[in-house]
Each structure stands twice: as C-alpha cells, then as structure tokens.
N, C-alpha and C. Protein backbone atom coordinates (compact mmCIF):
# COMPACT_ATOMS: atom_id res chain seq x y z
N UNK A 1 94.01 -37.06 -128.95
CA UNK A 1 93.65 -36.68 -127.63
C UNK A 1 94.37 -37.56 -126.63
N UNK A 2 94.96 -36.96 -125.66
CA UNK A 2 95.68 -37.77 -124.64
C UNK A 2 94.66 -38.34 -123.69
N UNK A 3 95.18 -39.25 -122.91
CA UNK A 3 94.35 -39.86 -121.85
C UNK A 3 93.80 -38.78 -120.84
N UNK A 4 94.68 -37.88 -120.47
CA UNK A 4 94.27 -36.84 -119.55
C UNK A 4 93.22 -35.94 -120.16
N UNK A 5 93.31 -35.68 -121.47
CA UNK A 5 92.33 -34.85 -122.17
C UNK A 5 91.01 -35.57 -122.15
N UNK A 6 91.07 -36.95 -122.38
CA UNK A 6 89.81 -37.70 -122.36
C UNK A 6 89.17 -37.68 -121.00
N UNK A 7 90.00 -37.84 -119.95
CA UNK A 7 89.44 -37.79 -118.59
C UNK A 7 88.80 -36.40 -118.30
N UNK A 8 89.52 -35.37 -118.71
CA UNK A 8 89.04 -33.98 -118.45
C UNK A 8 87.73 -33.81 -119.20
N UNK A 9 87.67 -34.28 -120.48
CA UNK A 9 86.44 -34.13 -121.24
C UNK A 9 85.29 -34.89 -120.59
N UNK A 10 85.51 -36.06 -120.05
CA UNK A 10 84.46 -36.81 -119.37
C UNK A 10 83.95 -36.13 -118.11
N UNK A 11 84.87 -35.52 -117.37
CA UNK A 11 84.47 -34.76 -116.16
C UNK A 11 83.65 -33.53 -116.56
N UNK A 12 84.11 -32.80 -117.57
CA UNK A 12 83.39 -31.63 -118.07
C UNK A 12 82.02 -32.06 -118.56
N UNK A 13 81.88 -33.11 -119.29
CA UNK A 13 80.60 -33.57 -119.81
C UNK A 13 79.69 -33.95 -118.68
N UNK A 14 80.20 -34.64 -117.62
CA UNK A 14 79.43 -34.97 -116.42
C UNK A 14 78.88 -33.74 -115.75
N UNK A 15 79.77 -32.74 -115.49
CA UNK A 15 79.32 -31.55 -114.85
C UNK A 15 78.32 -30.74 -115.67
N UNK A 16 78.55 -30.71 -116.97
CA UNK A 16 77.60 -30.03 -117.85
C UNK A 16 76.23 -30.71 -117.78
N UNK A 17 76.21 -32.00 -117.81
CA UNK A 17 74.95 -32.77 -117.76
C UNK A 17 74.23 -32.52 -116.43
N UNK A 18 74.98 -32.41 -115.36
CA UNK A 18 74.35 -32.19 -114.04
C UNK A 18 73.68 -30.77 -114.04
N UNK A 19 74.34 -29.80 -114.56
CA UNK A 19 73.75 -28.46 -114.61
C UNK A 19 72.47 -28.44 -115.50
N UNK A 20 72.55 -29.13 -116.68
CA UNK A 20 71.41 -29.22 -117.53
C UNK A 20 70.25 -29.93 -116.87
N UNK A 21 70.51 -30.97 -116.14
CA UNK A 21 69.52 -31.75 -115.39
C UNK A 21 68.84 -30.80 -114.33
N UNK A 22 69.67 -30.16 -113.57
CA UNK A 22 69.16 -29.27 -112.51
C UNK A 22 68.27 -28.17 -113.11
N UNK A 23 68.69 -27.60 -114.27
CA UNK A 23 67.89 -26.58 -114.92
C UNK A 23 66.56 -27.18 -115.43
N UNK A 24 66.61 -28.38 -115.84
CA UNK A 24 65.38 -29.04 -116.34
C UNK A 24 64.42 -29.29 -115.15
N UNK A 25 65.02 -29.67 -113.99
CA UNK A 25 64.23 -29.80 -112.78
C UNK A 25 63.57 -28.49 -112.38
N UNK A 26 64.25 -27.41 -112.42
CA UNK A 26 63.72 -26.11 -112.18
C UNK A 26 62.56 -25.80 -113.16
N UNK A 27 62.77 -26.13 -114.42
CA UNK A 27 61.71 -25.88 -115.43
C UNK A 27 60.42 -26.71 -115.10
N UNK A 28 60.67 -27.94 -114.63
CA UNK A 28 59.48 -28.76 -114.25
C UNK A 28 58.65 -28.05 -113.15
N UNK A 29 59.31 -27.54 -112.12
CA UNK A 29 58.68 -26.86 -111.04
C UNK A 29 57.96 -25.57 -111.52
N UNK A 30 58.64 -24.84 -112.37
CA UNK A 30 58.05 -23.60 -112.85
C UNK A 30 56.77 -23.96 -113.68
N UNK A 31 56.87 -24.98 -114.55
CA UNK A 31 55.72 -25.34 -115.41
C UNK A 31 54.59 -25.90 -114.54
N UNK A 32 54.96 -26.64 -113.45
CA UNK A 32 53.92 -27.24 -112.58
C UNK A 32 53.12 -26.07 -111.89
N UNK A 33 53.88 -25.13 -111.36
CA UNK A 33 53.17 -24.10 -110.65
C UNK A 33 52.37 -23.13 -111.60
N UNK A 34 52.90 -22.98 -112.77
CA UNK A 34 52.15 -22.20 -113.84
C UNK A 34 50.88 -22.91 -114.17
N UNK A 35 50.88 -24.25 -114.16
CA UNK A 35 49.65 -25.02 -114.42
C UNK A 35 48.67 -24.96 -113.25
N UNK A 36 49.24 -25.20 -112.08
CA UNK A 36 48.38 -25.25 -110.85
C UNK A 36 47.74 -23.82 -110.64
N UNK A 37 48.42 -22.82 -110.92
CA UNK A 37 47.88 -21.44 -110.57
C UNK A 37 47.27 -20.75 -111.75
N UNK A 38 47.05 -21.42 -112.85
CA UNK A 38 46.53 -20.75 -113.97
C UNK A 38 45.01 -20.59 -113.96
N UNK A 39 44.52 -19.79 -114.81
CA UNK A 39 43.04 -19.68 -114.96
C UNK A 39 42.60 -20.94 -115.75
N UNK A 40 41.31 -21.30 -115.52
CA UNK A 40 40.77 -22.52 -116.04
C UNK A 40 40.93 -22.60 -117.55
N UNK A 41 40.84 -21.48 -118.27
CA UNK A 41 40.92 -21.47 -119.71
C UNK A 41 42.32 -21.84 -120.28
N UNK A 42 43.32 -21.75 -119.38
CA UNK A 42 44.67 -22.00 -119.83
C UNK A 42 45.16 -23.36 -119.35
N UNK A 43 44.31 -24.08 -118.65
CA UNK A 43 44.71 -25.38 -118.05
C UNK A 43 45.27 -26.37 -119.01
N UNK A 44 44.67 -26.51 -120.14
CA UNK A 44 45.11 -27.52 -121.11
C UNK A 44 46.47 -27.18 -121.67
N UNK A 45 46.66 -25.89 -122.01
CA UNK A 45 47.96 -25.48 -122.53
C UNK A 45 49.06 -25.57 -121.49
N UNK A 46 48.78 -25.14 -120.26
CA UNK A 46 49.75 -25.20 -119.17
C UNK A 46 50.07 -26.60 -118.81
N UNK A 47 49.09 -27.50 -118.86
CA UNK A 47 49.36 -28.94 -118.53
C UNK A 47 50.27 -29.51 -119.64
N UNK A 48 50.06 -29.17 -120.87
CA UNK A 48 50.94 -29.64 -121.95
C UNK A 48 52.34 -29.16 -121.80
N UNK A 49 52.47 -27.90 -121.34
CA UNK A 49 53.85 -27.37 -121.06
C UNK A 49 54.49 -28.15 -119.91
N UNK A 50 53.73 -28.48 -118.92
CA UNK A 50 54.23 -29.25 -117.76
C UNK A 50 54.72 -30.62 -118.24
N UNK A 51 53.90 -31.27 -119.04
CA UNK A 51 54.28 -32.58 -119.62
C UNK A 51 55.56 -32.50 -120.45
N UNK A 52 55.68 -31.46 -121.23
CA UNK A 52 56.87 -31.28 -122.03
C UNK A 52 58.10 -31.06 -121.11
N UNK A 53 57.93 -30.30 -120.04
CA UNK A 53 58.99 -30.06 -119.09
C UNK A 53 59.41 -31.40 -118.43
N UNK A 54 58.47 -32.27 -118.11
CA UNK A 54 58.76 -33.51 -117.51
C UNK A 54 59.53 -34.39 -118.47
N UNK A 55 59.10 -34.37 -119.76
CA UNK A 55 59.87 -35.14 -120.75
C UNK A 55 61.29 -34.69 -120.94
N UNK A 56 61.48 -33.37 -120.94
CA UNK A 56 62.83 -32.83 -121.04
C UNK A 56 63.67 -33.21 -119.75
N UNK A 57 63.05 -33.18 -118.64
CA UNK A 57 63.82 -33.55 -117.45
C UNK A 57 64.17 -34.97 -117.48
N UNK A 58 63.30 -35.84 -117.93
CA UNK A 58 63.61 -37.24 -118.05
C UNK A 58 64.76 -37.49 -118.99
N UNK A 59 64.71 -36.77 -120.18
CA UNK A 59 65.83 -36.94 -121.13
C UNK A 59 67.12 -36.49 -120.59
N UNK A 60 67.18 -35.39 -119.86
CA UNK A 60 68.43 -34.88 -119.28
C UNK A 60 68.88 -35.81 -118.09
N UNK A 61 67.97 -36.38 -117.39
CA UNK A 61 68.28 -37.35 -116.34
C UNK A 61 69.00 -38.60 -116.90
N UNK A 62 68.41 -39.10 -118.03
CA UNK A 62 69.01 -40.25 -118.69
C UNK A 62 70.41 -39.88 -119.20
N UNK A 63 70.62 -38.81 -119.78
CA UNK A 63 71.90 -38.37 -120.26
C UNK A 63 72.86 -38.22 -119.14
N UNK A 64 72.41 -37.64 -117.99
CA UNK A 64 73.27 -37.45 -116.87
C UNK A 64 73.70 -38.79 -116.29
N UNK A 65 72.76 -39.71 -116.23
CA UNK A 65 72.99 -41.02 -115.72
C UNK A 65 74.10 -41.71 -116.53
N UNK A 66 73.98 -41.58 -117.84
CA UNK A 66 74.98 -42.24 -118.76
C UNK A 66 76.37 -41.58 -118.55
N UNK A 67 76.38 -40.27 -118.43
CA UNK A 67 77.68 -39.62 -118.22
C UNK A 67 78.24 -39.97 -116.85
N UNK A 68 77.45 -40.16 -115.85
CA UNK A 68 77.91 -40.57 -114.56
C UNK A 68 78.46 -41.95 -114.61
N UNK A 69 77.79 -42.85 -115.36
CA UNK A 69 78.29 -44.22 -115.50
C UNK A 69 79.65 -44.21 -116.18
N UNK A 70 79.80 -43.44 -117.29
CA UNK A 70 81.08 -43.35 -117.93
C UNK A 70 82.21 -42.85 -117.02
N UNK A 71 81.88 -41.87 -116.25
CA UNK A 71 82.86 -41.30 -115.28
C UNK A 71 83.23 -42.33 -114.23
N UNK A 72 82.24 -43.07 -113.80
CA UNK A 72 82.45 -44.09 -112.76
C UNK A 72 83.35 -45.17 -113.37
N UNK A 73 83.12 -45.58 -114.55
CA UNK A 73 83.98 -46.58 -115.27
C UNK A 73 85.37 -46.07 -115.38
N UNK A 74 85.56 -44.81 -115.74
CA UNK A 74 86.91 -44.24 -115.79
C UNK A 74 87.57 -44.28 -114.43
N UNK A 75 86.88 -43.92 -113.38
CA UNK A 75 87.43 -43.93 -112.04
C UNK A 75 87.84 -45.32 -111.62
N UNK A 76 87.01 -46.29 -111.96
CA UNK A 76 87.33 -47.68 -111.60
C UNK A 76 88.52 -48.15 -112.38
N UNK A 77 88.65 -47.81 -113.63
CA UNK A 77 89.80 -48.20 -114.46
C UNK A 77 91.07 -47.54 -113.88
N UNK A 78 90.97 -46.33 -113.49
CA UNK A 78 92.13 -45.65 -112.88
C UNK A 78 92.53 -46.31 -111.55
N UNK A 79 91.57 -46.61 -110.75
CA UNK A 79 91.86 -47.28 -109.47
C UNK A 79 92.51 -48.61 -109.66
N UNK A 80 92.01 -49.40 -110.61
CA UNK A 80 92.60 -50.76 -110.90
C UNK A 80 94.02 -50.55 -111.42
N UNK A 81 94.27 -49.57 -112.26
CA UNK A 81 95.62 -49.36 -112.77
C UNK A 81 96.54 -48.99 -111.64
N UNK A 82 96.07 -48.13 -110.77
CA UNK A 82 96.92 -47.74 -109.58
C UNK A 82 97.19 -48.95 -108.70
N UNK A 83 96.23 -49.80 -108.53
CA UNK A 83 96.41 -50.99 -107.67
C UNK A 83 97.33 -51.96 -108.31
N UNK A 84 97.31 -52.12 -109.63
CA UNK A 84 98.18 -53.00 -110.32
C UNK A 84 99.64 -52.60 -110.21
N UNK A 85 99.86 -51.35 -110.21
CA UNK A 85 101.22 -50.77 -110.08
C UNK A 85 101.79 -50.93 -108.70
N UNK A 86 100.97 -51.05 -107.67
CA UNK A 86 101.40 -51.06 -106.27
C UNK A 86 101.96 -52.40 -105.91
C-alpha cells in the first residue's frame, strides 16, 4: 500500500465513521421517542431499546473520535513534512 493509499483509506474510514455515528444518533432519537410515546405496558422494553441505542451511539462516537485522531495525526505529519521541505 502506498502512502497515498494509506491517506485515502484513513479519510474514507473517517467519513464512514462519521456517517455511522450520525445514524446511531438518529437511532437514539427514534428509540427515545418510541419510549416516551409508548403505552405503559411497553415502557420497560422501549427503555431497554433506548439504552441499547445509547450504547451503540457511544461506541460509534468512540470509534469516530479515534479515526479523527488518526486523521489529525496524518495531517500534522504532512504539514511538518511540507514545512521541513520549505
């Protein structure tokens, strides 16, 4: 894999993780409103689904943060390389 391929893969991974995180955020809101608006007999099940959605959102947020950090590191390395050549 070339350096450019690695950079492209990191950007793609970052964008993918952003999309997954946003989808997880939407799932949280959907689960929340399903819980808030449910009949009392479904409350426990709907609340459990909401908690699961929160857990998934947290996991995708952590993944997105890590990929953002990696991309930031790459950008900083590239900047330093450019500055060293100047």
